[in-house]
Amino acid sequence: MLARKKSKPLQTGYALFDVICEDGSRCSNRRVPRLIRLGGLDGDEPARWIIGEQDNAIAEKAGRPSIPIKTIKRPST
């Protein structure tokens, strides 16, 4: 009987980020899919783009302008 090969773990789920906006407000635990490349040559810049898109969609639904992002960082565990 042949042994079954173990499959590699999938990188599913989300990475969390703390976001500080230009006006000083803070949005903690913003979720970004792990399917995008994080921490490579671009660092976490792809996450900034995704979070910006999320903010634009929320602002559009709320009928207000979106606030520019100042910094993003992964929360310390």
PDB file of N, CA and C in Angstrom:
ATOM      1  N   MET A   1       0.836  -1.174   0.000  1.00  0.00           N
ATOM      2  CA  MET A   1       0.000   0.000   0.000  1.00  0.00           C
ATOM      3  C   MET A   1       0.892   1.252   0.000  1.00  0.00           C
ATOM      4  N   LEU A   2       0.597   2.191  -0.863  1.00  0.00           N
ATOM      5  CA  LEU A   2       1.402   3.400  -0.978  1.00  0.00           C
ATOM      6  C   LEU A   2       0.955   4.434   0.051  1.00  0.00           C
ATOM      7  N   ALA A   3       1.933   5.107   0.621  1.00  0.00           N
ATOM      8  CA  ALA A   3       1.633   6.172   1.585  1.00  0.00           C
ATOM      9  C   ALA A   3       1.188   7.420   0.819  1.00  0.00           C
ATOM     10  N   ARG A   4       0.245   8.108   1.372  1.00  0.00           N
ATOM     11  CA  ARG A   4      -0.268   9.334   0.753  1.00  0.00           C
ATOM     12  C   ARG A   4       0.707  10.478   1.023  1.00  0.00           C
ATOM     13  N   LYS A   5       1.019  11.231  -0.010  1.00  0.00           N
ATOM     14  CA  LYS A   5       1.907  12.376   0.150  1.00  0.00           C
ATOM     15  C   LYS A   5       1.167  13.507   0.835  1.00  0.00           C
ATOM     16  N   LYS A   6       1.877  14.181   1.702  1.00  0.00           N
ATOM     17  CA  LYS A   6       1.305  15.337   2.388  1.00  0.00           C
ATOM     18  C   LYS A   6       1.372  16.542   1.460  1.00  0.00           C
ATOM     19  N   SER A   7       0.269  17.235   1.321  1.00  0.00           N
ATOM     20  CA  SER A   7       0.274  18.412   0.452  1.00  0.00           C
ATOM     21  C   SER A   7       0.841  19.610   1.216  1.00  0.00           C
ATOM     22  N   LYS A   8       1.349  20.558   0.450  1.00  0.00           N
ATOM     23  CA  LYS A   8       1.886  21.767   1.053  1.00  0.00           C
ATOM     24  C   LYS A   8       0.738  22.608   1.602  1.00  0.00           C
ATOM     25  N   PRO A   9       0.954  23.290   2.714  1.00  0.00           N
ATOM     26  CA  PRO A   9      -0.117  24.140   3.246  1.00  0.00           C
ATOM     27  C   PRO A   9      -0.387  25.314   2.314  1.00  0.00           C
ATOM     28  N   LEU A  10      -1.644  25.647   2.160  1.00  0.00           N
ATOM     29  CA  LEU A  10      -2.029  26.781   1.337  1.00  0.00           C
ATOM     30  C   LEU A  10      -1.929  28.058   2.148  1.00  0.00           C
ATOM     31  N   GLN A  11      -1.542  29.124   1.490  1.00  0.00           N
ATOM     32  CA  GLN A  11      -1.508  30.415   2.171  1.00  0.00           C
ATOM     33  C   GLN A  11      -2.867  31.071   1.985  1.00  0.00           C
ATOM     34  N   THR A  12      -3.782  30.692   2.831  1.00  0.00           N
ATOM     35  CA  THR A  12      -5.114  31.270   2.771  1.00  0.00           C
ATOM     36  C   THR A  12      -5.308  32.166   3.982  1.00  0.00           C
ATOM     37  N   GLY A  13      -6.364  32.895   3.961  1.00  0.00           N
ATOM     38  CA  GLY A  13      -6.651  33.755   5.094  1.00  0.00           C
ATOM     39  C   GLY A  13      -6.260  35.182   4.812  1.00  0.00           C
ATOM     40  N   TYR A  14      -6.027  35.913   5.892  1.00  0.00           N
ATOM     41  CA  TYR A  14      -5.792  37.349   5.793  1.00  0.00           C
ATOM     42  C   TYR A  14      -4.597  37.763   6.636  1.00  0.00           C
ATOM     43  N   ALA A  15      -3.958  38.841   6.218  1.00  0.00           N
ATOM     44  CA  ALA A  15      -2.936  39.507   7.019  1.00  0.00           C
ATOM     45  C   ALA A  15      -3.598  40.748   7.616  1.00  0.00           C
ATOM     46  N   LEU A  16      -3.299  41.048   8.857  1.00  0.00           N
ATOM     47  CA  LEU A  16      -3.884  42.203   9.537  1.00  0.00           C
ATOM     48  C   LEU A  16      -2.914  43.377   9.524  1.00  0.00           C
ATOM     49  N   PHE A  17      -3.474  44.579   9.427  1.00  0.00           N
ATOM     50  CA  PHE A  17      -2.672  45.799   9.408  1.00  0.00           C
ATOM     51  C   PHE A  17      -3.331  46.862  10.270  1.00  0.00           C
ATOM     52  N   ASP A  18      -2.500  47.654  10.946  1.00  0.00           N
ATOM     53  CA  ASP A  18      -2.962  48.869  11.607  1.00  0.00           C
ATOM     54  C   ASP A  18      -2.747  50.004  10.612  1.00  0.00           C
ATOM     55  N   VAL A  19      -3.759  50.846  10.443  1.00  0.00           N
ATOM     56  CA  VAL A  19      -3.704  51.933   9.468  1.00  0.00           C
ATOM     57  C   VAL A  19      -3.846  53.263  10.201  1.00  0.00           C
ATOM     58  N   ILE A  20      -2.940  54.184   9.925  1.00  0.00           N
ATOM     59  CA  ILE A  20      -3.024  55.546  10.444  1.00  0.00           C
ATOM     60  C   ILE A  20      -3.311  56.449   9.241  1.00  0.00           C
ATOM     61  N   CYS A  21      -4.381  57.249   9.336  1.00  0.00           N
ATOM     62  CA  CYS A  21      -4.773  58.153   8.251  1.00  0.00           C
ATOM     63  C   CYS A  21      -4.120  59.515   8.434  1.00  0.00           C
ATOM     64  N   GLU A  22      -4.146  60.315   7.376  1.00  0.00           N
ATOM     65  CA  GLU A  22      -3.539  61.644   7.393  1.00  0.00           C
ATOM     66  C   GLU A  22      -4.119  62.544   8.486  1.00  0.00           C
ATOM     67  N   ASP A  23      -5.405  62.341   8.832  1.00  0.00           N
ATOM     68  CA  ASP A  23      -6.025  63.176   9.864  1.00  0.00           C
ATOM     69  C   ASP A  23      -5.747  62.675  11.278  1.00  0.00           C
ATOM     70  N   GLY A  24      -4.941  61.604  11.413  1.00  0.00           N
ATOM     71  CA  GLY A  24      -4.581  61.067  12.721  1.00  0.00           C
ATOM     72  C   GLY A  24      -5.486  59.957  13.211  1.00  0.00           C
ATOM     73  N   SER A  25      -6.579  59.665  12.486  1.00  0.00           N
ATOM     74  CA  SER A  25      -7.461  58.577  12.911  1.00  0.00           C
ATOM     75  C   SER A  25      -6.782  57.235  12.653  1.00  0.00           C
ATOM     76  N   ARG A  26      -7.192  56.226  13.402  1.00  0.00           N
ATOM     77  CA  ARG A  26      -6.568  54.912  13.339  1.00  0.00           C
ATOM     78  C   ARG A  26      -7.615  53.858  13.037  1.00  0.00           C
ATOM     79  N   CYS A  27      -7.316  52.980  12.102  1.00  0.00           N
ATOM     80  CA  CYS A  27      -8.167  51.837  11.768  1.00  0.00           C
ATOM     81  C   CYS A  27      -7.338  50.582  12.028  1.00  0.00           C
ATOM     82  N   SER A  28      -7.652  49.866  13.056  1.00  0.00           N
ATOM     83  CA  SER A  28      -6.885  48.681  13.406  1.00  0.00           C
ATOM     84  C   SER A  28      -7.483  47.438  12.774  1.00  0.00           C
ATOM     85  N   ASN A  29      -6.640  46.447  12.610  1.00  0.00           N
ATOM     86  CA  ASN A  29      -7.029  45.127  12.131  1.00  0.00           C
ATOM     87  C   ASN A  29      -7.731  45.157  10.779  1.00  0.00           C
ATOM     88  N   ARG A  30      -7.174  45.915   9.849  1.00  0.00           N
ATOM     89  CA  ARG A  30      -7.682  45.905   8.482  1.00  0.00           C
ATOM     90  C   ARG A  30      -7.171  44.636   7.822  1.00  0.00           C
ATOM     91  N   ARG A  31      -8.048  43.904   7.165  1.00  0.00           N
ATOM     92  CA  ARG A  31      -7.695  42.614   6.585  1.00  0.00           C
ATOM     93  C   ARG A  31      -7.337  42.745   5.110  1.00  0.00           C
ATOM     94  N   VAL A  32      -6.244  42.060   4.745  1.00  0.00           N
ATOM     95  CA  VAL A  32      -5.785  42.015   3.360  1.00  0.00           C
ATOM     96  C   VAL A  32      -5.555  40.543   3.025  1.00  0.00           C
ATOM     97  N   PRO A  33      -6.080  40.050   1.897  1.00  0.00           N
ATOM     98  CA  PRO A  33      -5.884  38.642   1.543  1.00  0.00           C
ATOM     99  C   PRO A  33      -4.407  38.290   1.421  1.00  0.00           C
ATOM    100  N   ARG A  34      -4.034  37.131   1.936  1.00  0.00           N
ATOM    101  CA  ARG A  34      -2.638  36.685   1.860  1.00  0.00           C
ATOM    102  C   ARG A  34      -2.249  36.239   0.454  1.00  0.00           C
ATOM    103  N   LEU A  35      -3.227  36.140  -0.453  1.00  0.00           N
ATOM    104  CA  LEU A  35      -2.924  35.709  -1.812  1.00  0.00           C
ATOM    105  C   LEU A  35      -2.045  36.704  -2.561  1.00  0.00           C
ATOM    106  N   ILE A  36      -2.068  37.965  -2.155  1.00  0.00           N
ATOM    107  CA  ILE A  36      -1.179  38.938  -2.794  1.00  0.00           C
ATOM    108  C   ILE A  36       0.203  38.819  -2.168  1.00  0.00           C
ATOM    109  N   ARG A  37       1.202  39.248  -2.889  1.00  0.00           N
ATOM    110  CA  ARG A  37       2.583  39.159  -2.393  1.00  0.00           C
ATOM    111  C   ARG A  37       2.851  40.248  -1.370  1.00  0.00           C
ATOM    112  N   LEU A  38       3.112  39.855  -0.142  1.00  0.00           N
ATOM    113  CA  LEU A  38       3.452  40.803   0.917  1.00  0.00           C
ATOM    114  C   LEU A  38       4.862  40.519   1.389  1.00  0.00           C
ATOM    115  N   GLY A  39       5.607  41.548   1.691  1.00  0.00           N
ATOM    116  CA  GLY A  39       6.939  41.389   2.250  1.00  0.00           C
ATOM    117  C   GLY A  39       8.022  41.109   1.233  1.00  0.00           C
ATOM    118  N   GLY A  40       7.719  41.124  -0.060  1.00  0.00           N
ATOM    119  CA  GLY A  40       8.731  40.904  -1.089  1.00  0.00           C
ATOM    120  C   GLY A  40       9.526  42.181  -1.338  1.00  0.00           C
ATOM    121  N   LEU A  41       9.900  42.384  -2.583  1.00  0.00           N
ATOM    122  CA  LEU A  41      10.656  43.589  -2.940  1.00  0.00           C
ATOM    123  C   LEU A  41       9.851  44.850  -2.676  1.00  0.00           C
ATOM    124  N   ASP A  42       8.537  44.768  -2.848  1.00  0.00           N
ATOM    125  CA  ASP A  42       7.676  45.927  -2.625  1.00  0.00           C
ATOM    126  C   ASP A  42       7.261  46.077  -1.170  1.00  0.00           C
ATOM    127  N   GLY A  43       7.665  45.168  -0.321  1.00  0.00           N
ATOM    128  CA  GLY A  43       7.275  45.223   1.093  1.00  0.00           C
ATOM    129  C   GLY A  43       5.772  45.061   1.234  1.00  0.00           C
ATOM    130  N   ASP A  44       5.160  45.922   1.998  1.00  0.00           N
ATOM    131  CA  ASP A  44       3.718  45.850   2.215  1.00  0.00           C
ATOM    132  C   ASP A  44       2.957  46.873   1.366  1.00  0.00           C
ATOM    133  N   GLU A  45       3.593  47.422   0.333  1.00  0.00           N
ATOM    134  CA  GLU A  45       2.930  48.398  -0.538  1.00  0.00           C
ATOM    135  C   GLU A  45       1.688  47.834  -1.222  1.00  0.00           C
ATOM    136  N   PRO A  46       1.678  46.557  -1.654  1.00  0.00           N
ATOM    137  CA  PRO A  46       0.436  46.027  -2.230  1.00  0.00           C
ATOM    138  C   PRO A  46      -0.728  46.079  -1.233  1.00  0.00           C
ATOM    139  N   ALA A  47      -0.439  45.915   0.054  1.00  0.00           N
ATOM    140  CA  ALA A  47      -1.489  46.004   1.075  1.00  0.00           C
ATOM    141  C   ALA A  47      -2.015  47.428   1.168  1.00  0.00           C
ATOM    142  N   ARG A  48      -1.138  48.409   1.032  1.00  0.00           N
ATOM    143  CA  ARG A  48      -1.565  49.817   1.067  1.00  0.00           C
ATOM    144  C   ARG A  48      -2.564  50.086  -0.065  1.00  0.00           C
ATOM    145  N   TRP A  49      -2.283  49.541  -1.243  1.00  0.00           N
ATOM    146  CA  TRP A  49      -3.166  49.733  -2.382  1.00  0.00           C
ATOM    147  C   TRP A  49      -4.534  49.088  -2.116  1.00  0.00           C
ATOM    148  N   ILE A  50      -4.543  47.869  -1.596  1.00  0.00           N
ATOM    149  CA  ILE A  50      -5.797  47.151  -1.311  1.00  0.00           C
ATOM    150  C   ILE A  50      -6.594  47.894  -0.236  1.00  0.00           C
ATOM    151  N   ILE A  51      -5.931  48.337   0.820  1.00  0.00           N
ATOM    152  CA  ILE A  51      -6.619  49.072   1.898  1.00  0.00           C
ATOM    153  C   ILE A  51      -7.177  50.382   1.359  1.00  0.00           C
ATOM    154  N   GLY A  52      -6.434  51.046   0.470  1.00  0.00           N
ATOM    155  CA  GLY A  52      -6.922  52.278  -0.158  1.00  0.00           C
ATOM    156  C   GLY A  52      -8.184  52.026  -0.971  1.00  0.00           C
ATOM    157  N   GLU A  53      -8.220  50.909  -1.702  1.00  0.00           N
ATOM    158  CA  GLU A  53      -9.405  50.547  -2.470  1.00  0.00           C
ATOM    159  C   GLU A  53     -10.587  50.271  -1.538  1.00  0.00           C
ATOM    160  N   GLN A  54     -10.324  49.591  -0.419  1.00  0.00           N
ATOM    161  CA  GLN A  54     -11.381  49.326   0.563  1.00  0.00           C
ATOM    162  C   GLN A  54     -11.922  50.648   1.108  1.00  0.00           C
ATOM    163  N   ASP A  55     -11.027  51.576   1.444  1.00  0.00           N
ATOM    164  CA  ASP A  55     -11.442  52.878   1.970  1.00  0.00           C
ATOM    165  C   ASP A  55     -12.276  53.657   0.958  1.00  0.00           C
ATOM    166  N   ASN A  56     -11.872  53.608  -0.319  1.00  0.00           N
ATOM    167  CA  ASN A  56     -12.631  54.310  -1.355  1.00  0.00           C
ATOM    168  C   ASN A  56     -14.037  53.744  -1.482  1.00  0.00           C
ATOM    169  N   ALA A  57     -14.176  52.422  -1.430  1.00  0.00           N
ATOM    170  CA  ALA A  57     -15.503  51.799  -1.527  1.00  0.00           C
ATOM    171  C   ALA A  57     -16.375  52.173  -0.327  1.00  0.00           C
ATOM    172  N   ILE A  58     -15.783  52.175   0.867  1.00  0.00           N
ATOM    173  CA  ILE A  58     -16.536  52.539   2.078  1.00  0.00           C
ATOM    174  C   ILE A  58     -16.962  54.000   2.015  1.00  0.00           C
ATOM    175  N   ALA A  59     -16.054  54.876   1.608  1.00  0.00           N
ATOM    176  CA  ALA A  59     -16.357  56.307   1.531  1.00  0.00           C
ATOM    177  C   ALA A  59     -17.444  56.579   0.493  1.00  0.00           C
ATOM    178  N   GLU A  60     -17.391  55.874  -0.628  1.00  0.00           N
ATOM    179  CA  GLU A  60     -18.402  56.064  -1.668  1.00  0.00           C
ATOM    180  C   GLU A  60     -19.790  55.656  -1.160  1.00  0.00           C
ATOM    181  N   LYS A  61     -19.866  54.535  -0.456  1.00  0.00           N
ATOM    182  CA  LYS A  61     -21.146  54.086   0.090  1.00  0.00           C
ATOM    183  C   LYS A  61     -21.657  55.035   1.168  1.00  0.00           C
ATOM    184  N   ALA A  62     -20.731  55.642   1.920  1.00  0.00           N
ATOM    185  CA  ALA A  62     -21.118  56.561   2.994  1.00  0.00           C
ATOM    186  C   ALA A  62     -21.385  57.975   2.471  1.00  0.00           C
ATOM    187  N   GLY A  63     -20.998  58.246   1.223  1.00  0.00           N
ATOM    188  CA  GLY A  63     -21.217  59.561   0.655  1.00  0.00           C
ATOM    189  C   GLY A  63     -20.272  60.618   1.193  1.00  0.00           C
ATOM    190  N   ARG A  64     -19.057  60.227   1.515  1.00  0.00           N
ATOM    191  CA  ARG A  64     -18.064  61.172   2.022  1.00  0.00           C
ATOM    192  C   ARG A  64     -16.741  60.916   1.306  1.00  0.00           C
ATOM    193  N   PRO A  65     -15.826  61.887   1.321  1.00  0.00           N
ATOM    194  CA  PRO A  65     -14.523  61.646   0.687  1.00  0.00           C
ATOM    195  C   PRO A  65     -13.672  60.703   1.535  1.00  0.00           C
ATOM    196  N   SER A  66     -12.818  59.929   0.873  1.00  0.00           N
ATOM    197  CA  SER A  66     -11.928  59.040   1.631  1.00  0.00           C
ATOM    198  C   SER A  66     -10.756  59.838   2.183  1.00  0.00           C
ATOM    199  N   ILE A  67     -10.231  59.390   3.306  1.00  0.00           N
ATOM    200  CA  ILE A  67      -9.109  60.058   3.967  1.00  0.00           C
ATOM    201  C   ILE A  67      -7.820  59.362   3.524  1.00  0.00           C
ATOM    202  N   PRO A  68      -6.828  60.110   3.058  1.00  0.00           N
ATOM    203  CA  PRO A  68      -5.570  59.474   2.620  1.00  0.00           C
ATOM    204  C   PRO A  68      -4.875  58.727   3.759  1.00  0.00           C
ATOM    205  N   ILE A  69      -4.225  57.628   3.400  1.00  0.00           N
ATOM    206  CA  ILE A  69      -3.504  56.800   4.367  1.00  0.00           C
ATOM    207  C   ILE A  69      -2.112  57.390   4.584  1.00  0.00           C
ATOM    208  N   LYS A  70      -1.731  57.523   5.854  1.00  0.00           N
ATOM    209  CA  LYS A  70      -0.398  58.024   6.198  1.00  0.00           C
ATOM    210  C   LYS A  70       0.577  56.855   6.318  1.00  0.00           C
ATOM    211  N   THR A  71       0.270  55.888   7.174  1.00  0.00           N
ATOM    212  CA  THR A  71       1.143  54.732   7.357  1.00  0.00           C
ATOM    213  C   THR A  71       0.318  53.470   7.557  1.00  0.00           C
ATOM    214  N   ILE A  72       0.921  52.335   7.200  1.00  0.00           N
ATOM    215  CA  ILE A  72       0.360  51.023   7.540  1.00  0.00           C
ATOM    216  C   ILE A  72       1.473  50.206   8.171  1.00  0.00           C
ATOM    217  N   LYS A  73       1.115  49.357   9.095  1.00  0.00           N
ATOM    218  CA  LYS A  73       2.091  48.448   9.692  1.00  0.00           C
ATOM    219  C   LYS A  73       1.358  47.227  10.228  1.00  0.00           C
ATOM    220  N   ARG A  74       2.064  46.147  10.296  1.00  0.00           N
ATOM    221  CA  ARG A  74       1.479  44.935  10.859  1.00  0.00           C
ATOM    222  C   ARG A  74       1.482  45.049  12.377  1.00  0.00           C
ATOM    223  N   PRO A  75       0.407  44.647  13.024  1.00  0.00           N
ATOM    224  CA  PRO A  75       0.378  44.744  14.481  1.00  0.00           C
ATOM    225  C   PRO A  75       1.394  43.799  15.119  1.00  0.00           C
ATOM    226  N   SER A  76       1.999  44.208  16.200  1.00  0.00           N
ATOM    227  CA  SER A  76       2.936  43.343  16.908  1.00  0.00           C
ATOM    228  C   SER A  76       2.148  42.319  17.708  1.00  0.00           C
ATOM    229  N   THR A  77       2.632  41.098  17.691  1.00  0.00           N
ATOM    230  CA  THR A  77       1.928  40.031  18.410  1.00  0.00           C
ATOM    231  C   THR A  77       2.641  39.619  19.646  1.00  0.00           C
TER     232      THR A  77
END
